[in-house]
PDB file of all heavy atoms in Angstrom:
ATOM      1  N   ILE A   1      24.264   7.544  28.444  1.00  0.00           N
ATOM      2  CA  ILE A   1      25.057   6.603  27.854  1.00  0.00           C
ATOM      3  C   ILE A   1      24.203   5.532  27.018  1.00  0.00           C
ATOM      4  O   ILE A   1      23.008   5.420  27.278  1.00  0.00           O
ATOM      5  CB  ILE A   1      25.896   5.766  28.876  1.00  0.00           C
ATOM      6  CG1 ILE A   1      24.987   4.929  29.812  1.00  0.00           C
ATOM      7  CG2 ILE A   1      26.766   6.743  29.674  1.00  0.00           C
ATOM      8  CD1 ILE A   1      25.781   4.013  30.815  1.00  0.00           C
ATOM      9  N   GLY A   2      24.857   4.900  26.112  1.00  0.00           N
ATOM     10  CA  GLY A   2      24.197   3.844  25.273  1.00  0.00           C
ATOM     11  C   GLY A   2      25.265   2.858  24.911  1.00  0.00           C
ATOM     12  O   GLY A   2      26.349   3.166  24.465  1.00  0.00           O
ATOM     13  N   ARG A   3      24.912   1.529  25.087  1.00  0.00           N
ATOM     14  CA  ARG A   3      25.839   0.463  24.810  1.00  0.00           C
ATOM     15  C   ARG A   3      27.298   0.675  25.495  1.00  0.00           C
ATOM     16  O   ARG A   3      28.324   0.397  24.869  1.00  0.00           O
ATOM     17  CB  ARG A   3      26.050   0.239  23.251  1.00  0.00           C
ATOM     18  CG  ARG A   3      24.681  -0.115  22.554  1.00  0.00           C
ATOM     19  CD  ARG A   3      24.901  -0.446  21.106  1.00  0.00           C
ATOM     20  NE  ARG A   3      23.716  -0.750  20.467  1.00  0.00           N
ATOM     21  CZ  ARG A   3      23.035  -1.920  20.418  1.00  0.00           C
ATOM     22  NH1 ARG A   3      23.656  -2.960  21.018  1.00  0.00           N
ATOM     23  NH2 ARG A   3      21.889  -2.051  19.721  1.00  0.00           N
ATOM     24  N   GLY A   4      27.166   1.249  26.650  1.00  0.00           N
ATOM     25  CA  GLY A   4      28.386   1.435  27.449  1.00  0.00           C
ATOM     26  C   GLY A   4      29.152   2.628  27.148  1.00  0.00           C
ATOM     27  O   GLY A   4      30.223   2.930  27.801  1.00  0.00           O
ATOM     28  N   LYS A   5      28.749   3.405  26.078  1.00  0.00           N
ATOM     29  CA  LYS A   5      29.471   4.626  25.696  1.00  0.00           C
ATOM     30  C   LYS A   5      28.809   5.890  26.038  1.00  0.00           C
ATOM     31  O   LYS A   5      27.604   5.881  26.156  1.00  0.00           O
ATOM     32  CB  LYS A   5      29.771   4.508  24.223  1.00  0.00           C
ATOM     33  CG  LYS A   5      30.627   3.469  23.687  1.00  0.00           C
ATOM     34  CD  LYS A   5      30.813   3.528  22.121  1.00  0.00           C
ATOM     35  CE  LYS A   5      31.707   2.405  21.600  1.00  0.00           C
ATOM     36  NZ  LYS A   5      33.182   2.702  22.021  1.00  0.00           N
ATOM     37  N   LEU A   6      29.588   6.907  26.325  1.00  0.00           N
ATOM     38  CA  LEU A   6      28.967   8.231  26.593  1.00  0.00           C
ATOM     39  C   LEU A   6      28.374   8.790  25.381  1.00  0.00           C
ATOM     40  O   LEU A   6      28.952   8.885  24.294  1.00  0.00           O
ATOM     41  CB  LEU A   6      30.109   9.181  27.102  1.00  0.00           C
ATOM     42  CG  LEU A   6      29.629  10.550  27.534  1.00  0.00           C
ATOM     43  CD1 LEU A   6      28.789  10.388  28.790  1.00  0.00           C
ATOM     44  CD2 LEU A   6      30.853  11.488  27.757  1.00  0.00           C
ATOM     45  N   ILE A   7      27.116   9.241  25.514  1.00  0.00           N
ATOM     46  CA  ILE A   7      26.366   9.882  24.455  1.00  0.00           C
ATOM     47  C   ILE A   7      26.257  11.339  24.611  1.00  0.00           C
ATOM     48  O   ILE A   7      26.461  12.159  23.724  1.00  0.00           O
ATOM     49  CB  ILE A   7      24.947   9.328  24.247  1.00  0.00           C
ATOM     50  CG1 ILE A   7      25.023   7.806  23.867  1.00  0.00           C
ATOM     51  CG2 ILE A   7      24.181  10.056  23.278  1.00  0.00           C
ATOM     52  CD1 ILE A   7      23.666   7.168  23.685  1.00  0.00           C
ATOM     53  N   ALA A   8      26.028  11.752  25.882  1.00  0.00           N
ATOM     54  CA  ALA A   8      25.978  13.227  26.132  1.00  0.00           C
ATOM     55  C   ALA A   8      26.248  13.425  27.615  1.00  0.00           C
ATOM     56  O   ALA A   8      25.986  12.639  28.489  1.00  0.00           O
ATOM     57  CB  ALA A   8      24.518  13.693  25.854  1.00  0.00           C
ATOM     58  N   ALA A   9      26.792  14.627  27.884  1.00  0.00           N
ATOM     59  CA  ALA A   9      27.031  15.076  29.225  1.00  0.00           C
ATOM     60  C   ALA A   9      26.790  16.679  29.178  1.00  0.00           C
ATOM     61  O   ALA A   9      27.640  17.393  28.687  1.00  0.00           O
ATOM     62  CB  ALA A   9      28.477  14.872  29.653  1.00  0.00           C
ATOM     63  N   SER A  10      25.689  17.135  29.575  1.00  0.00           N
ATOM     64  CA  SER A  10      25.279  18.462  29.477  1.00  0.00           C
ATOM     65  C   SER A  10      24.284  18.844  30.471  1.00  0.00           C
ATOM     66  O   SER A  10      23.694  17.985  31.137  1.00  0.00           O
ATOM     67  CB  SER A  10      24.731  18.721  28.051  1.00  0.00           C
ATOM     68  OG  SER A  10      23.486  18.077  27.780  1.00  0.00           O
ATOM     69  N   SER A  11      23.911  20.167  30.536  1.00  0.00           N
ATOM     70  CA  SER A  11      22.749  20.566  31.332  1.00  0.00           C
ATOM     71  C   SER A  11      21.498  20.064  30.705  1.00  0.00           C
ATOM     72  O   SER A  11      21.392  19.721  29.520  1.00  0.00           O
ATOM     73  CB  SER A  11      22.745  22.066  31.405  1.00  0.00           C
ATOM     74  OG  SER A  11      22.368  22.664  30.152  1.00  0.00           O
ATOM     75  N   MET A  12      20.432  19.963  31.646  1.00  0.00           N
ATOM     76  CA  MET A  12      19.145  19.580  31.121  1.00  0.00           C
ATOM     77  C   MET A  12      18.718  20.476  29.928  1.00  0.00           C
ATOM     78  O   MET A  12      18.196  19.997  28.917  1.00  0.00           O
ATOM     79  CB  MET A  12      18.091  19.626  32.251  1.00  0.00           C
ATOM     80  CG  MET A  12      16.715  19.339  31.897  1.00  0.00           C
ATOM     81  SD  MET A  12      16.374  17.569  31.384  1.00  0.00           S
ATOM     82  CE  MET A  12      16.449  16.831  32.999  1.00  0.00           C
ATOM     83  N   LYS A  13      18.885  21.784  30.157  1.00  0.00           N
ATOM     84  CA  LYS A  13      18.354  22.793  29.132  1.00  0.00           C
ATOM     85  C   LYS A  13      19.116  22.524  27.809  1.00  0.00           C
ATOM     86  O   LYS A  13      18.414  22.540  26.713  1.00  0.00           O
ATOM     87  CB  LYS A  13      18.652  24.146  29.675  1.00  0.00           C
ATOM     88  CG  LYS A  13      18.133  25.221  28.735  1.00  0.00           C
ATOM     89  CD  LYS A  13      18.396  26.639  29.330  1.00  0.00           C
ATOM     90  CE  LYS A  13      17.922  27.774  28.375  1.00  0.00           C
ATOM     91  NZ  LYS A  13      18.138  29.112  28.961  1.00  0.00           N
ATOM     92  N   GLU A  14      20.410  22.364  27.844  1.00  0.00           N
ATOM     93  CA  GLU A  14      21.123  22.098  26.537  1.00  0.00           C
ATOM     94  C   GLU A  14      20.749  20.847  25.822  1.00  0.00           C
ATOM     95  O   GLU A  14      20.680  20.819  24.645  1.00  0.00           O
ATOM     96  CB  GLU A  14      22.671  22.151  26.875  1.00  0.00           C
ATOM     97  CG  GLU A  14      23.231  23.497  27.329  1.00  0.00           C
ATOM     98  CD  GLU A  14      24.644  23.475  27.796  1.00  0.00           C
ATOM     99  OE1 GLU A  14      25.091  22.236  28.214  1.00  0.00           O
ATOM    100  OE2 GLU A  14      25.310  24.425  27.840  1.00  0.00           O
ATOM    101  N   PHE A  15      20.502  19.756  26.607  1.00  0.00           N
ATOM    102  CA  PHE A  15      20.245  18.530  26.121  1.00  0.00           C
ATOM    103  C   PHE A  15      18.918  18.586  25.412  1.00  0.00           C
ATOM    104  O   PHE A  15      18.743  18.045  24.260  1.00  0.00           O
ATOM    105  CB  PHE A  15      20.149  17.437  27.228  1.00  0.00           C
ATOM    106  CG  PHE A  15      19.918  16.016  26.743  1.00  0.00           C
ATOM    107  CD1 PHE A  15      20.799  15.244  26.183  1.00  0.00           C
ATOM    108  CD2 PHE A  15      18.628  15.563  26.875  1.00  0.00           C
ATOM    109  CE1 PHE A  15      20.646  14.017  25.739  1.00  0.00           C
ATOM    110  CE2 PHE A  15      18.322  14.220  26.421  1.00  0.00           C
ATOM    111  CZ  PHE A  15      19.346  13.467  25.866  1.00  0.00           C
ATOM    112  N   VAL A  16      17.871  19.132  26.027  1.00  0.00           N
ATOM    113  CA  VAL A  16      16.543  19.198  25.433  1.00  0.00           C
ATOM    114  C   VAL A  16      16.555  20.226  24.200  1.00  0.00           C
ATOM    115  O   VAL A  16      15.927  19.964  23.187  1.00  0.00           O
ATOM    116  CB  VAL A  16      15.509  19.683  26.431  1.00  0.00           C
ATOM    117  CG1 VAL A  16      14.167  19.914  25.783  1.00  0.00           C
ATOM    118  CG2 VAL A  16      15.352  18.642  27.557  1.00  0.00           C
ATOM    119  N   ALA A  17      17.313  21.325  24.409  1.00  0.00           N
ATOM    120  CA  ALA A  17      17.287  22.309  23.254  1.00  0.00           C
ATOM    121  C   ALA A  17      17.986  21.711  22.006  1.00  0.00           C
ATOM    122  O   ALA A  17      17.680  22.161  20.868  1.00  0.00           O
ATOM    123  CB  ALA A  17      18.048  23.491  23.687  1.00  0.00           C
ATOM    124  N   GLY A  18      18.848  20.642  22.183  1.00  0.00           N
ATOM    125  CA  GLY A  18      19.515  20.120  21.011  1.00  0.00           C
ATOM    126  C   GLY A  18      18.665  19.104  20.228  1.00  0.00           C
ATOM    127  O   GLY A  18      19.121  18.711  19.130  1.00  0.00           O
ATOM    128  N   ALA A  19      17.461  18.856  20.739  1.00  0.00           N
ATOM    129  CA  ALA A  19      16.618  17.906  19.970  1.00  0.00           C
ATOM    130  C   ALA A  19      16.036  18.563  18.769  1.00  0.00           C
ATOM    131  O   ALA A  19      15.617  19.741  18.828  1.00  0.00           O
ATOM    132  CB  ALA A  19      15.533  17.392  20.904  1.00  0.00           C
ATOM    133  N   SER A  20      15.773  17.887  17.718  1.00  0.00           N
ATOM    134  CA  SER A  20      15.245  18.391  16.532  1.00  0.00           C
ATOM    135  C   SER A  20      13.750  18.722  16.685  1.00  0.00           C
ATOM    136  O   SER A  20      13.120  19.335  15.801  1.00  0.00           O
ATOM    137  CB  SER A  20      15.427  17.391  15.350  1.00  0.00           C
ATOM    138  OG  SER A  20      14.778  16.169  15.593  1.00  0.00           O
ATOM    139  N   GLY A  21      13.135  18.220  17.800  1.00  0.00           N
ATOM    140  CA  GLY A  21      11.680  18.474  17.921  1.00  0.00           C
ATOM    141  C   GLY A  21      11.369  19.844  18.357  1.00  0.00           C
ATOM    142  O   GLY A  21      10.154  20.300  18.421  1.00  0.00           O
ATOM    143  N   SER A  22      12.427  20.709  18.691  1.00  0.00           N
ATOM    144  CA  SER A  22      12.053  22.102  19.119  1.00  0.00           C
ATOM    145  C   SER A  22      11.598  22.844  17.999  1.00  0.00           C
ATOM    146  O   SER A  22      11.978  22.683  16.749  1.00  0.00           O
ATOM    147  CB  SER A  22      13.394  22.613  19.611  1.00  0.00           C
ATOM    148  OG  SER A  22      13.924  21.992  20.727  1.00  0.00           O
ATOM    149  N   SER A  23      10.633  23.709  18.182  1.00  0.00           N
ATOM    150  CA  SER A  23      10.053  24.547  17.166  1.00  0.00           C
ATOM    151  C   SER A  23       9.538  25.867  17.750  1.00  0.00           C
ATOM    152  O   SER A  23       9.635  26.021  19.039  1.00  0.00           O
ATOM    153  CB  SER A  23       8.878  23.833  16.493  1.00  0.00           C
ATOM    154  OG  SER A  23       7.813  23.557  17.454  1.00  0.00           O
ATOM    155  N   VAL A  24       9.063  26.766  16.973  1.00  0.00           N
ATOM    156  CA  VAL A  24       8.430  27.972  17.361  1.00  0.00           C
ATOM    157  C   VAL A  24       7.068  28.075  16.994  1.00  0.00           C
ATOM    158  O   VAL A  24       6.687  27.871  15.873  1.00  0.00           O
ATOM    159  CB  VAL A  24       9.267  29.282  16.870  1.00  0.00           C
ATOM    160  CG1 VAL A  24       8.620  30.557  17.347  1.00  0.00           C
ATOM    161  CG2 VAL A  24      10.734  29.174  17.284  1.00  0.00           C
ATOM    162  N   ARG A  25       6.190  28.374  17.918  1.00  0.00           N
ATOM    163  CA  ARG A  25       4.671  28.429  17.582  1.00  0.00           C
ATOM    164  C   ARG A  25       4.383  29.967  17.301  1.00  0.00           C
ATOM    165  O   ARG A  25       4.671  30.837  18.166  1.00  0.00           O
ATOM    166  CB  ARG A  25       3.938  27.963  18.806  1.00  0.00           C
ATOM    167  CG  ARG A  25       2.418  27.950  18.568  1.00  0.00           C
ATOM    168  CD  ARG A  25       1.766  27.370  19.886  1.00  0.00           C
ATOM    169  NE  ARG A  25       0.361  27.525  19.860  1.00  0.00           N
ATOM    170  CZ  ARG A  25      -0.560  26.681  19.340  1.00  0.00           C
ATOM    171  NH1 ARG A  25      -0.047  25.619  18.768  1.00  0.00           N
ATOM    172  NH2 ARG A  25      -1.782  26.844  19.400  1.00  0.00           N
ATOM    173  N   VAL A  26       3.749  30.189  16.217  1.00  0.00           N
ATOM    174  CA  VAL A  26       3.334  31.551  15.841  1.00  0.00           C
ATOM    175  C   VAL A  26       1.892  31.630  15.477  1.00  0.00           C
ATOM    176  O   VAL A  26       1.384  30.792  14.733  1.00  0.00           O
ATOM    177  CB  VAL A  26       4.283  31.978  14.641  1.00  0.00           C
ATOM    178  CG1 VAL A  26       3.981  33.482  14.336  1.00  0.00           C
ATOM    179  CG2 VAL A  26       5.648  31.732  14.869  1.00  0.00           C
ATOM    180  N   ARG A  27       1.320  32.707  15.899  1.00  0.00           N
ATOM    181  CA  ARG A  27      -0.130  33.042  15.447  1.00  0.00           C
ATOM    182  C   ARG A  27      -0.012  34.434  14.895  1.00  0.00           C
ATOM    183  O   ARG A  27       0.546  35.394  15.474  1.00  0.00           O
ATOM    184  CB  ARG A  27      -1.045  33.029  16.669  1.00  0.00           C
ATOM    185  CG  ARG A  27      -1.495  31.753  17.273  1.00  0.00           C
ATOM    186  CD  ARG A  27      -2.419  31.813  18.338  1.00  0.00           C
ATOM    187  NE  ARG A  27      -2.921  30.590  18.837  1.00  0.00           N
ATOM    188  CZ  ARG A  27      -3.860  29.831  18.275  1.00  0.00           C
ATOM    189  NH1 ARG A  27      -4.499  30.265  17.204  1.00  0.00           N
ATOM    190  NH2 ARG A  27      -4.230  28.622  18.732  1.00  0.00           N
ATOM    191  N   THR A  28      -0.628  34.583  13.674  1.00  0.00           N
ATOM    192  CA  THR A  28      -0.551  35.837  13.015  1.00  0.00           C
ATOM    193  C   THR A  28      -1.824  35.881  12.062  1.00  0.00           C
ATOM    194  O   THR A  28      -2.250  34.853  11.528  1.00  0.00           O
ATOM    195  CB  THR A  28       0.633  36.021  12.252  1.00  0.00           C
ATOM    196  OG1 THR A  28       0.598  37.265  11.457  1.00  0.00           O
ATOM    197  CG2 THR A  28       0.956  34.840  11.359  1.00  0.00           C
ATOM    198  N   PRO A  29      -2.413  37.119  11.844  1.00  0.00           N
ATOM    199  CA  PRO A  29      -3.460  37.280  10.854  1.00  0.00           C
ATOM    200  C   PRO A  29      -2.908  37.175   9.425  1.00  0.00           C
ATOM    201  O   PRO A  29      -3.641  37.105   8.478  1.00  0.00           O
ATOM    202  CB  PRO A  29      -4.070  38.558  11.136  1.00  0.00           C
ATOM    203  CG  PRO A  29      -3.019  39.352  11.890  1.00  0.00           C
ATOM    204  CD  PRO A  29      -2.271  38.325  12.641  1.00  0.00           C
ATOM    205  N   SER A  30      -1.585  37.261   9.327  1.00  0.00           N
ATOM    206  CA  SER A  30      -0.912  37.278   8.006  1.00  0.00           C
ATOM    207  C   SER A  30      -0.150  35.900   7.840  1.00  0.00           C
ATOM    208  O   SER A  30       1.055  35.854   7.545  1.00  0.00           O
ATOM    209  CB  SER A  30       0.033  38.393   7.803  1.00  0.00           C
ATOM    210  OG  SER A  30      -0.665  39.616   8.090  1.00  0.00           O
ATOM    211  N   ALA A  31      -0.776  34.846   7.972  1.00  0.00           N
ATOM    212  CA  ALA A  31      -0.176  33.485   8.045  1.00  0.00           C
ATOM    213  C   ALA A  31       0.572  33.193   6.698  1.00  0.00           C
ATOM    214  O   ALA A  31       1.764  32.705   6.695  1.00  0.00           O
ATOM    215  CB  ALA A  31      -1.143  32.308   8.282  1.00  0.00           C
ATOM    216  N   ASP A  32      -0.041  33.434   5.613  1.00  0.00           N
ATOM    217  CA  ASP A  32       0.598  33.114   4.303  1.00  0.00           C
ATOM    218  C   ASP A  32       1.871  33.972   4.064  1.00  0.00           C
ATOM    219  O   ASP A  32       2.848  33.433   3.681  1.00  0.00           O
ATOM    220  CB  ASP A  32      -0.427  33.313   3.111  1.00  0.00           C
ATOM    221  CG  ASP A  32      -1.549  32.411   3.180  1.00  0.00           C
ATOM    222  OD1 ASP A  32      -1.421  31.278   3.727  1.00  0.00           O
ATOM    223  OD2 ASP A  32      -2.532  32.728   2.434  1.00  0.00           O
ATOM    224  N   GLN A  33       1.834  35.245   4.490  1.00  0.00           N
ATOM    225  CA  GLN A  33       2.956  36.031   4.357  1.00  0.00           C
ATOM    226  C   GLN A  33       4.183  35.608   5.232  1.00  0.00           C
ATOM    227  O   GLN A  33       5.343  35.532   4.820  1.00  0.00           O
ATOM    228  CB  GLN A  33       2.571  37.506   4.662  1.00  0.00           C
ATOM    229  CG  GLN A  33       3.777  38.483   4.464  1.00  0.00           C
ATOM    230  CD  GLN A  33       3.383  39.915   4.908  1.00  0.00           C
ATOM    231  OE1 GLN A  33       2.216  40.162   5.257  1.00  0.00           O
ATOM    232  NE2 GLN A  33       4.261  40.812   4.761  1.00  0.00           N
ATOM    233  N   LEU A  34       3.763  35.133   6.518  1.00  0.00           N
ATOM    234  CA  LEU A  34       4.883  34.721   7.312  1.00  0.00           C
ATOM    235  C   LEU A  34       5.422  33.426   6.887  1.00  0.00           C
ATOM    236  O   LEU A  34       6.660  33.263   6.901  1.00  0.00           O
ATOM    237  CB  LEU A  34       4.248  34.454   8.789  1.00  0.00           C
ATOM    238  CG  LEU A  34       5.226  33.953   9.758  1.00  0.00           C
ATOM    239  CD1 LEU A  34       6.312  35.022  10.086  1.00  0.00           C
ATOM    240  CD2 LEU A  34       4.565  33.396  10.988  1.00  0.00           C
ATOM    241  N   VAL A  35       4.627  32.487   6.324  1.00  0.00           N
ATOM    242  CA  VAL A  35       5.126  31.239   5.870  1.00  0.00           C
ATOM    243  C   VAL A  35       6.128  31.504   4.691  1.00  0.00           C
ATOM    244  O   VAL A  35       7.220  30.906   4.605  1.00  0.00           O
ATOM    245  CB  VAL A  35       3.967  30.289   5.357  1.00  0.00           C
ATOM    246  CG1 VAL A  35       4.548  29.119   4.542  1.00  0.00           C
ATOM    247  CG2 VAL A  35       3.221  29.800   6.580  1.00  0.00           C
ATOM    248  N   ARG A  36       5.715  32.371   3.778  1.00  0.00           N
ATOM    249  CA  ARG A  36       6.651  32.700   2.640  1.00  0.00           C
ATOM    250  C   ARG A  36       7.976  33.305   3.205  1.00  0.00           C
ATOM    251  O   ARG A  36       9.081  33.005   2.724  1.00  0.00           O
ATOM    252  CB  ARG A  36       6.007  33.701   1.639  1.00  0.00           C
ATOM    253  CG  ARG A  36       4.862  33.080   0.795  1.00  0.00           C
ATOM    254  CD  ARG A  36       4.458  34.057  -0.256  1.00  0.00           C
ATOM    255  NE  ARG A  36       3.895  35.286   0.129  1.00  0.00           N
ATOM    256  CZ  ARG A  36       2.678  35.475   0.458  1.00  0.00           C
ATOM    257  NH1 ARG A  36       1.738  34.521   0.246  1.00  0.00           N
ATOM    258  NH2 ARG A  36       2.217  36.688   0.909  1.00  0.00           N
ATOM    259  N   ALA A  37       7.862  34.189   4.162  1.00  0.00           N
ATOM    260  CA  ALA A  37       9.089  34.822   4.749  1.00  0.00           C
ATOM    261  C   ALA A  37      10.032  33.850   5.399  1.00  0.00           C
ATOM    262  O   ALA A  37      11.310  33.891   5.143  1.00  0.00           O
ATOM    263  CB  ALA A  37       8.677  35.936   5.645  1.00  0.00           C
ATOM    264  N   VAL A  38       9.495  32.938   6.180  1.00  0.00           N
ATOM    265  CA  VAL A  38      10.447  32.019   6.910  1.00  0.00           C
ATOM    266  C   VAL A  38      10.941  30.932   5.934  1.00  0.00           C
ATOM    267  O   VAL A  38      12.036  30.433   6.055  1.00  0.00           O
ATOM    268  CB  VAL A  38       9.677  31.364   8.091  1.00  0.00           C
ATOM    269  CG1 VAL A  38       9.324  32.400   9.185  1.00  0.00           C
ATOM    270  CG2 VAL A  38       8.514  30.516   7.670  1.00  0.00           C
ATOM    271  N   THR A  39      10.205  30.596   4.913  1.00  0.00           N
ATOM    272  CA  THR A  39      10.666  29.647   3.942  1.00  0.00           C
ATOM    273  C   THR A  39      11.761  30.203   3.132  1.00  0.00           C
ATOM    274  O   THR A  39      12.766  29.467   2.840  1.00  0.00           O
ATOM    275  CB  THR A  39       9.487  29.214   3.021  1.00  0.00           C
ATOM    276  OG1 THR A  39       8.479  28.640   3.745  1.00  0.00           O
ATOM    277  CG2 THR A  39       9.944  28.206   1.947  1.00  0.00           C
ATOM    278  N   ALA A  40      11.680  31.488   2.835  1.00  0.00           N
ATOM    279  CA  ALA A  40      12.858  32.163   2.111  1.00  0.00           C
ATOM    280  C   ALA A  40      14.071  32.128   2.922  1.00  0.00           C
ATOM    281  O   ALA A  40      15.128  32.290   2.307  1.00  0.00           O
ATOM    282  CB  ALA A  40      12.355  33.558   1.760  1.00  0.00           C
ATOM    283  N   LYS A  41      13.966  32.017   4.246  1.00  0.00           N
ATOM    284  CA  LYS A  41      15.149  32.013   5.079  1.00  0.00           C
ATOM    285  C   LYS A  41      15.591  30.614   5.357  1.00  0.00           C
ATOM    286  O   LYS A  41      16.566  30.356   6.222  1.00  0.00           O
ATOM    287  CB  LYS A  41      14.863  32.712   6.445  1.00  0.00           C
ATOM    288  CG  LYS A  41      14.468  34.128   6.372  1.00  0.00           C
ATOM    289  CD  LYS A  41      15.753  34.977   5.941  1.00  0.00           C
ATOM    290  CE  LYS A  41      15.465  36.474   5.950  1.00  0.00           C
ATOM    291  NZ  LYS A  41      16.661  37.218   5.589  1.00  0.00           N
ATOM    292  N   GLY A  42      14.987  29.620   4.702  1.00  0.00           N
ATOM    293  CA  GLY A  42      15.455  28.222   4.866  1.00  0.00           C
ATOM    294  C   GLY A  42      14.768  27.459   5.968  1.00  0.00           C
ATOM    295  O   GLY A  42      15.175  26.267   6.144  1.00  0.00           O
ATOM    296  N   ALA A  43      13.787  28.079   6.605  1.00  0.00           N
ATOM    297  CA  ALA A  43      13.110  27.286   7.706  1.00  0.00           C
ATOM    298  C   ALA A  43      11.952  26.480   7.031  1.00  0.00           C
ATOM    299  O   ALA A  43      11.588  26.688   5.901  1.00  0.00           O
ATOM    300  CB  ALA A  43      12.585  28.290   8.784  1.00  0.00           C
ATOM    301  N   THR A  44      11.406  25.668   7.909  1.00  0.00           N
ATOM    302  CA  THR A  44      10.181  24.802   7.417  1.00  0.00           C
ATOM    303  C   THR A  44       9.080  25.204   8.366  1.00  0.00           C
ATOM    304  O   THR A  44       9.308  25.629   9.544  1.00  0.00           O
ATOM    305  CB  THR A  44      10.569  23.316   7.467  1.00  0.00           C
ATOM    306  OG1 THR A  44      10.766  22.929   8.789  1.00  0.00           O
ATOM    307  CG2 THR A  44      11.663  22.915   6.553  1.00  0.00           C
TER     308      THR A  44
END
């Protein structure tokens, strides 16, 4: 809650997953190729 109002009511997993800080960590020998591929799909 915040300022007396309900902000969220969810499972812990759902609450954390909804944050914009979530990301995917990737290691690859073809880093430039992967960056181009995910960028083409609209990811950052």
